[in-house]
Structure formats: structure tokens, C-alpha cells
Amino acid sequence: MENRRKIVMINKKFQITLIVKFLIVNVCVLSLFGVLLYMFFNSEIEANLASAHVTYQNVGEMLLPIVITLSVINIIISSVIITVFVLFASFRIAGPLYRFNAAIKEISQGNLIPLLKLRDKDELTAFSESLQEMAQFLISITKKGKELSTELKKVDELKNNETISKKVKEIDDIVDNLKY
């Protein structure tokens, strides 16, 4: 339990937007269900009451409050369940996205060894592995650049060419600004 994340709302905008979208779908589906339920029960009850020779002035007036009440209760309960589910499911995505963003910023500032640790149950672990592979590739290119710079320095020492010296200095400045 030592890797347990304390904050559930990591990327509030993303998570709230996702919850709202799920809730909108929930309300639409349950509203449609309520309308279909009302239509079905209205026709069934009217048919049964007619065959039983019982008369009501308007079956719809009797049935509508019941269907609306049940639909509202259903919407509230399912919305709470969906909110909790989406919140906890989305933080398994929002957390890694937050870490990826931080790692990419580090790489853009020259740190080729970003700290990118994901928990076992987090999503996007394949993306994390790809980002680590990219960082390793950049490190290998940087090391090759450093090796070439060292070789050029040796050539420059033999020929003492000012142009080579300037280019070697440029390469060294670029490579030295990277952390690997």
C-alpha cells in the first residue's frame, strides 16, 4: 500500500468532463427508458382495466407520477454510482497522463532521464515503456555525439583548425546541456 495515491482528482478538468459526459448519457438513456416504460404500462393497464370493466378517467394521470418518481430515483442512484466509478477509473488514466506531461517537460529541458514510474494497476503502461525507449534512444544518440566530439577534438589537436574547434565547441555545448 505504500504506492497508494492520495489524490483522486489529478486532472480535474479531464475527470469532471468525463464524469459529466457519462452522466449525460445516463440521463438520456434512463429518460428514454422512462418514456418507453410509461408508454408500455399505459397501454397494458388501459387494456387490462378495459377487460376488467373498471374505468378510470385517465390512466396516464395515474401512471405518470409513478413512472416519473421511479425514473428520478433511478437517475439519482445510477448517477452516483457512475460518478464514483468514472472518478476512480479516470484517475488511473489522469495520473499517468500527469506524469507523462512532467516527463516530457523534463526531456524538453534537456533531462533525458525523466522519473517516470507507474503503478502496476495504472493504465498506459505501454506508453510509459515507449517513452522510456525514446529516452534511451536519445541518450544513445547523445553519447554518440559526445564520442564524435571527442574524436573531432583529437583531429583538431593534430591540425589545429579554427573551424573544427568552433564546431567541436558547438557540439560540446549542445551535448553538455543534456543530462544523461
Protein backbone atom coordinates (compact mmCIF):
# COMPACT_ATOMS: atom_id res chain seq x y z
CA MET A 1 0.00 0.00 0.00
CA GLU A 2 2.99 2.32 0.00
CA ASN A 3 2.36 3.35 -3.64
CA ARG A 4 -1.25 4.31 -2.92
CA ARG A 5 -2.10 7.64 -4.49
CA LYS A 6 -3.81 10.04 -2.06
CA ILE A 7 -5.33 12.48 -4.54
CA VAL A 8 -8.14 11.20 -6.76
CA MET A 9 -8.76 14.46 -8.68
CA ILE A 10 -5.44 14.70 -10.51
CA ASN A 11 -6.59 16.41 -13.67
CA LYS A 12 -9.86 17.99 -12.58
CA LYS A 13 -10.90 19.32 -15.98
CA PHE A 14 -10.42 15.96 -17.70
CA GLN A 15 -12.06 13.96 -14.93
CA ILE A 16 -15.04 16.28 -14.43
CA THR A 17 -15.64 16.45 -18.19
CA LEU A 18 -15.57 12.66 -18.39
CA ILE A 19 -17.99 12.34 -15.47
CA VAL A 20 -20.38 14.90 -16.99
CA LYS A 21 -20.37 13.08 -20.33
CA PHE A 22 -21.19 9.77 -18.66
CA LEU A 23 -23.93 11.42 -16.60
CA ILE A 24 -25.49 12.99 -19.71
CA VAL A 25 -25.55 9.60 -21.40
CA ASN A 26 -27.03 8.11 -18.23
CA VAL A 27 -29.82 10.70 -18.01
CA CYS A 28 -30.66 10.32 -21.71
CA VAL A 29 -30.80 6.53 -21.58
CA LEU A 30 -32.86 6.48 -18.39
CA SER A 31 -35.21 9.18 -19.67
CA LEU A 32 -35.79 7.15 -22.82
CA PHE A 33 -36.36 4.09 -20.65
CA GLY A 34 -38.89 6.05 -18.56
CA VAL A 35 -40.80 7.17 -21.65
CA LEU A 36 -40.87 3.65 -23.07
CA LEU A 37 -41.91 2.26 -19.69
CA TYR A 38 -44.72 4.80 -19.47
CA MET A 39 -45.95 4.02 -22.97
CA PHE A 40 -45.86 0.27 -22.32
CA PHE A 41 -47.57 0.38 -18.94
CA ASN A 42 -50.13 2.92 -20.14
CA SER A 43 -51.30 0.65 -22.97
CA GLU A 44 -51.11 -2.51 -20.83
CA ILE A 45 -53.03 -1.01 -17.92
CA GLU A 46 -55.68 0.51 -20.18
CA ALA A 47 -56.19 -2.85 -21.90
CA ASN A 48 -56.37 -4.73 -18.59
CA LEU A 49 -58.70 -2.19 -16.99
CA ALA A 50 -60.99 -2.28 -20.02
CA SER A 51 -61.19 -6.06 -19.88
CA ALA A 52 -61.87 -5.92 -16.12
CA HIS A 53 -64.67 -3.40 -16.71
CA VAL A 54 -63.02 -0.93 -14.38
CA THR A 55 -62.89 2.62 -15.57
CA TYR A 56 -60.54 5.42 -14.73
CA GLN A 57 -60.93 8.80 -16.26
CA ASN A 58 -57.28 8.91 -17.34
CA VAL A 59 -54.83 6.07 -16.75
CA GLY A 60 -51.97 8.31 -17.85
CA GLU A 61 -52.60 10.67 -14.97
CA MET A 62 -52.42 7.75 -12.56
CA LEU A 63 -49.31 6.21 -14.12
CA LEU A 64 -47.24 9.29 -14.94
CA PRO A 65 -46.27 10.26 -11.35
CA ILE A 66 -45.22 6.69 -10.60
CA VAL A 67 -43.01 6.44 -13.71
CA ILE A 68 -41.51 9.90 -13.11
CA THR A 69 -40.74 9.11 -9.47
CA LEU A 70 -39.14 5.77 -10.33
CA SER A 71 -37.16 7.36 -13.18
CA VAL A 72 -35.83 10.17 -10.98
CA ILE A 73 -34.83 7.71 -8.25
CA ASN A 74 -33.14 5.53 -10.87
CA ILE A 75 -31.31 8.52 -12.38
CA ILE A 76 -30.06 9.69 -8.97
CA ILE A 77 -28.84 6.26 -7.85
CA SER A 78 -27.20 5.39 -11.17
CA SER A 79 -25.63 8.87 -11.43
CA VAL A 80 -23.97 8.47 -8.03
CA ILE A 81 -22.71 5.02 -8.98
CA ILE A 82 -21.42 6.27 -12.37
CA THR A 83 -19.75 9.31 -10.79
CA VAL A 84 -17.84 7.19 -8.29
CA PHE A 85 -16.90 4.61 -10.91
CA VAL A 86 -15.72 7.16 -13.50
CA LEU A 87 -13.84 9.17 -10.88
CA PHE A 88 -11.85 6.18 -9.69
CA ALA A 89 -11.41 4.73 -13.18
CA SER A 90 -10.29 8.05 -14.65
CA PHE A 91 -7.62 8.66 -12.04
CA ARG A 92 -5.88 5.56 -13.34
CA ILE A 93 -5.60 7.45 -16.63
CA ALA A 94 -5.20 11.02 -15.35
CA GLY A 95 -2.30 10.09 -13.04
CA PRO A 96 -0.15 8.59 -15.78
CA LEU A 97 -1.03 11.46 -18.14
CA TYR A 98 0.11 13.91 -15.48
CA ARG A 99 3.40 12.02 -15.09
CA PHE A 100 3.89 11.82 -18.87
CA ASN A 101 3.41 15.56 -19.15
CA ALA A 102 6.01 16.17 -16.43
CA ALA A 103 8.45 13.70 -18.04
CA ILE A 104 8.06 15.27 -21.48
CA LYS A 105 8.72 18.72 -19.98
CA GLU A 106 11.88 17.36 -18.37
CA ILE A 107 13.03 15.88 -21.67
CA SER A 108 12.33 19.19 -23.44
CA GLN A 109 14.56 20.91 -20.86
CA GLY A 110 17.41 18.51 -21.56
CA ASN A 111 16.93 15.86 -18.87
CA LEU A 112 16.94 12.61 -20.81
CA ILE A 113 16.38 10.50 -17.69
CA PRO A 114 12.94 11.57 -16.54
CA LEU A 115 11.49 9.90 -13.46
CA LEU A 116 8.51 8.04 -14.87
CA LYS A 117 7.18 5.39 -12.54
CA LEU A 118 3.69 3.99 -12.93
CA ARG A 119 1.91 1.72 -10.54
CA ASP A 120 1.13 -1.81 -11.69
CA LYS A 121 -2.61 -1.15 -11.98
CA ASP A 122 -2.27 2.17 -13.83
CA GLU A 123 -3.32 2.35 -17.45
CA LEU A 124 -1.00 3.45 -20.28
CA THR A 125 1.97 1.35 -19.16
CA ALA A 126 2.76 0.56 -22.82
CA PHE A 127 3.01 4.30 -23.49
CA SER A 128 5.33 4.62 -20.50
CA GLU A 129 7.58 1.90 -21.90
CA SER A 130 7.64 3.66 -25.29
CA LEU A 131 8.58 6.95 -23.64
CA GLN A 132 11.40 5.21 -21.76
CA GLU A 133 12.61 3.63 -25.02
CA MET A 134 12.59 7.06 -26.67
CA ALA A 135 14.62 8.50 -23.81
CA GLN A 136 17.12 5.62 -24.10
CA PHE A 137 17.40 6.26 -27.85
CA LEU A 138 18.05 9.95 -27.23
CA ILE A 139 20.69 9.04 -24.63
CA SER A 140 22.44 6.74 -27.13
CA ILE A 141 22.42 9.48 -29.78
CA THR A 142 23.79 11.95 -27.24
CA LYS A 143 26.57 9.55 -26.26
CA LYS A 144 27.45 9.05 -29.94
CA GLY A 145 27.54 12.82 -30.36
CA LYS A 146 29.89 13.09 -27.37
CA GLU A 147 32.12 10.36 -28.83
CA LEU A 148 32.23 12.15 -32.20
CA SER A 149 33.06 15.39 -30.42
CA THR A 150 35.97 13.68 -28.65
CA GLU A 151 37.26 12.28 -31.95
CA LEU A 152 36.99 15.71 -33.59
CA LYS A 153 38.97 17.23 -30.71
CA LYS A 154 41.77 14.75 -31.42
CA VAL A 155 41.71 15.67 -35.12
CA ASP A 156 41.68 19.36 -34.18
CA GLU A 157 44.72 18.89 -31.92
CA LEU A 158 46.63 17.44 -34.86
CA LYS A 159 45.55 20.01 -37.46
CA ASN A 160 44.77 22.97 -35.18
CA ASN A 161 41.93 24.16 -37.42
CA GLU A 162 39.84 27.04 -36.01
CA THR A 163 36.68 25.97 -37.90
CA ILE A 164 36.86 22.49 -36.44
CA SER A 165 37.45 23.96 -32.98
CA LYS A 166 34.30 26.10 -33.24
CA LYS A 167 32.17 23.18 -34.45
CA VAL A 168 33.52 20.92 -31.70
CA LYS A 169 32.69 23.62 -29.15
CA GLU A 170 29.12 23.88 -30.54
CA ILE A 171 28.66 20.12 -30.33
CA ASP A 172 30.05 20.05 -26.79
CA ASP A 173 27.73 22.86 -25.71
CA ILE A 174 24.69 21.02 -27.06
CA VAL A 175 25.65 17.67 -25.55
CA ASP A 176 26.73 19.19 -22.21
CA ASN A 177 23.30 20.80 -21.78
CA LEU A 178 21.71 17.35 -21.77
CA LYS A 179 21.51 15.21 -18.64
CA TYR A 180 22.02 11.53 -19.35
